[in-house]
Each structure stands twice: as structure tokens, then as C-alpha cells.
Amino acid sequence: MVSVTQLHDLGADRSWIDRRVAMGWLVPVFHSVYAIGHPPRTRRGWYRAALVAGGERSVLSHKTAAAIHEMAPSEGQVHLS
């Protein structure tokens, strides 16, 4: 997972990103978040995408955190703080 901000920090501009999306190298996952090559294939991949979308200070919380630590079953929603 990579954010537009991270790509910009590496020197990519909007046209570079748009070309990679058109070629299928970057796959949109959330607003301003891309997967590289393919969309997330696992629940943990989606968790990672949510963390990237939430910003560098975001953490998984509540039922999502409990599911990661095998303290509760996984569910569809991702809880971030």
C-alpha cells in the first residue's frame, strides 16, 4: 500500500501516478491510497490500506484490534483511531 503523499515524497507527480493507474501498476483502494499490482487479497491487506488512508498516527482499534489478536471474530468493518 502506498499513499499519494508517499508517492509525492518519492518524486512522483500526478501524471506519473495516473499513468501507473492506467497501466494497472497502481490499483486504487481508498481515496489517495493505492495497492501495487493488485488489490488487497487478505483481511490484513485491507487493514494495511486502512492504516495508510488514516495517516501515520492511525491505529487499528476496537473489534478490529481484538480480531488481530484473536480475541474476537473478524467482521466487515475496520475500526481506526
Protein backbone atom coordinates (compact mmCIF):
# COMPACT_ATOMS: atom_id res chain seq x y z
CA MET A 1 0.00 0.00 0.00
CA VAL A 2 1.15 3.47 -0.79
CA SER A 3 -0.44 6.89 -0.39
CA VAL A 4 -0.35 9.76 -2.84
CA THR A 5 1.64 11.71 -0.24
CA GLN A 6 4.25 8.95 -0.07
CA LEU A 7 4.47 8.86 -3.87
CA HIS A 8 4.89 12.65 -4.00
CA ASP A 9 7.65 12.42 -1.37
CA LEU A 10 9.44 9.99 -3.71
CA GLY A 11 9.18 12.47 -6.60
CA ALA A 12 6.08 11.19 -8.41
CA ASP A 13 3.71 13.77 -9.82
CA ARG A 14 0.02 13.39 -10.63
CA SER A 15 0.64 12.44 -14.28
CA TRP A 16 3.12 9.73 -13.22
CA ILE A 17 0.54 8.29 -10.82
CA ASP A 18 -2.25 8.49 -13.42
CA ARG A 19 -0.11 6.62 -15.98
CA ARG A 20 0.66 3.84 -13.48
CA VAL A 21 -3.05 3.54 -12.65
CA ALA A 22 -3.89 3.30 -16.38
CA MET A 23 -1.25 0.56 -16.81
CA GLY A 24 -2.60 -1.37 -13.80
CA TRP A 25 0.58 -0.99 -11.74
CA LEU A 26 -1.23 1.06 -9.11
CA VAL A 27 -4.70 -0.10 -8.08
CA PRO A 28 -6.95 2.39 -6.27
CA VAL A 29 -8.07 1.03 -2.89
CA PHE A 30 -9.24 4.07 -0.91
CA HIS A 31 -9.15 7.80 -1.62
CA SER A 32 -5.46 8.63 -2.25
CA VAL A 33 -4.35 5.06 -1.40
CA TYR A 34 -3.11 2.55 -3.96
CA ALA A 35 -2.12 -1.09 -3.88
CA ILE A 36 0.83 -2.09 -6.03
CA GLY A 37 -0.10 -4.56 -8.76
CA HIS A 38 -3.34 -5.94 -7.31
CA PRO A 39 -5.98 -5.06 -4.72
CA PRO A 40 -5.58 -6.42 -1.19
CA ARG A 41 -6.14 -10.18 -1.14
CA THR A 42 -6.37 -10.71 2.59
CA ARG A 43 -8.09 -9.06 5.52
CA ARG A 44 -4.70 -7.90 6.79
CA GLY A 45 -4.09 -6.26 3.40
CA TRP A 46 -7.28 -4.26 3.84
CA TYR A 47 -6.20 -3.34 7.38
CA ARG A 48 -2.91 -2.04 5.97
CA ALA A 49 -4.76 0.00 3.34
CA ALA A 50 -6.98 1.50 6.04
CA LEU A 51 -3.94 2.42 8.12
CA VAL A 52 -2.32 4.16 5.14
CA ALA A 53 -5.57 6.02 4.43
CA GLY A 54 -5.88 7.05 8.08
CA GLY A 55 -2.45 8.65 8.20
CA GLU A 56 0.75 7.98 10.07
CA ARG A 57 -0.82 8.34 13.53
CA SER A 58 -3.75 5.96 12.91
CA VAL A 59 -4.06 2.64 14.70
CA LEU A 60 -6.42 -0.29 14.44
CA SER A 61 -8.81 -0.25 17.36
CA HIS A 62 -11.86 -1.80 18.96
CA LYS A 63 -13.12 -5.01 17.31
CA THR A 64 -10.50 -4.86 14.56
CA ALA A 65 -7.65 -4.83 17.08
CA ALA A 66 -9.33 -7.63 19.03
CA ALA A 67 -9.62 -9.71 15.84
CA ILE A 68 -5.93 -9.23 15.04
CA HIS A 69 -5.03 -10.51 18.50
CA GLU A 70 -7.50 -13.39 18.06
CA MET A 71 -9.66 -12.14 20.92
CA ALA A 72 -12.79 -11.70 18.79
CA PRO A 73 -14.05 -12.80 15.37
CA SER A 74 -13.30 -10.63 12.33
CA GLU A 75 -16.13 -8.57 10.93
CA GLY A 76 -16.61 -6.42 7.85
CA GLN A 77 -15.90 -3.01 9.35
CA VAL A 78 -12.42 -1.74 10.06
CA HIS A 79 -12.11 0.32 13.24
CA LEU A 80 -9.41 3.00 13.26
CA SER A 81 -8.45 5.56 15.87
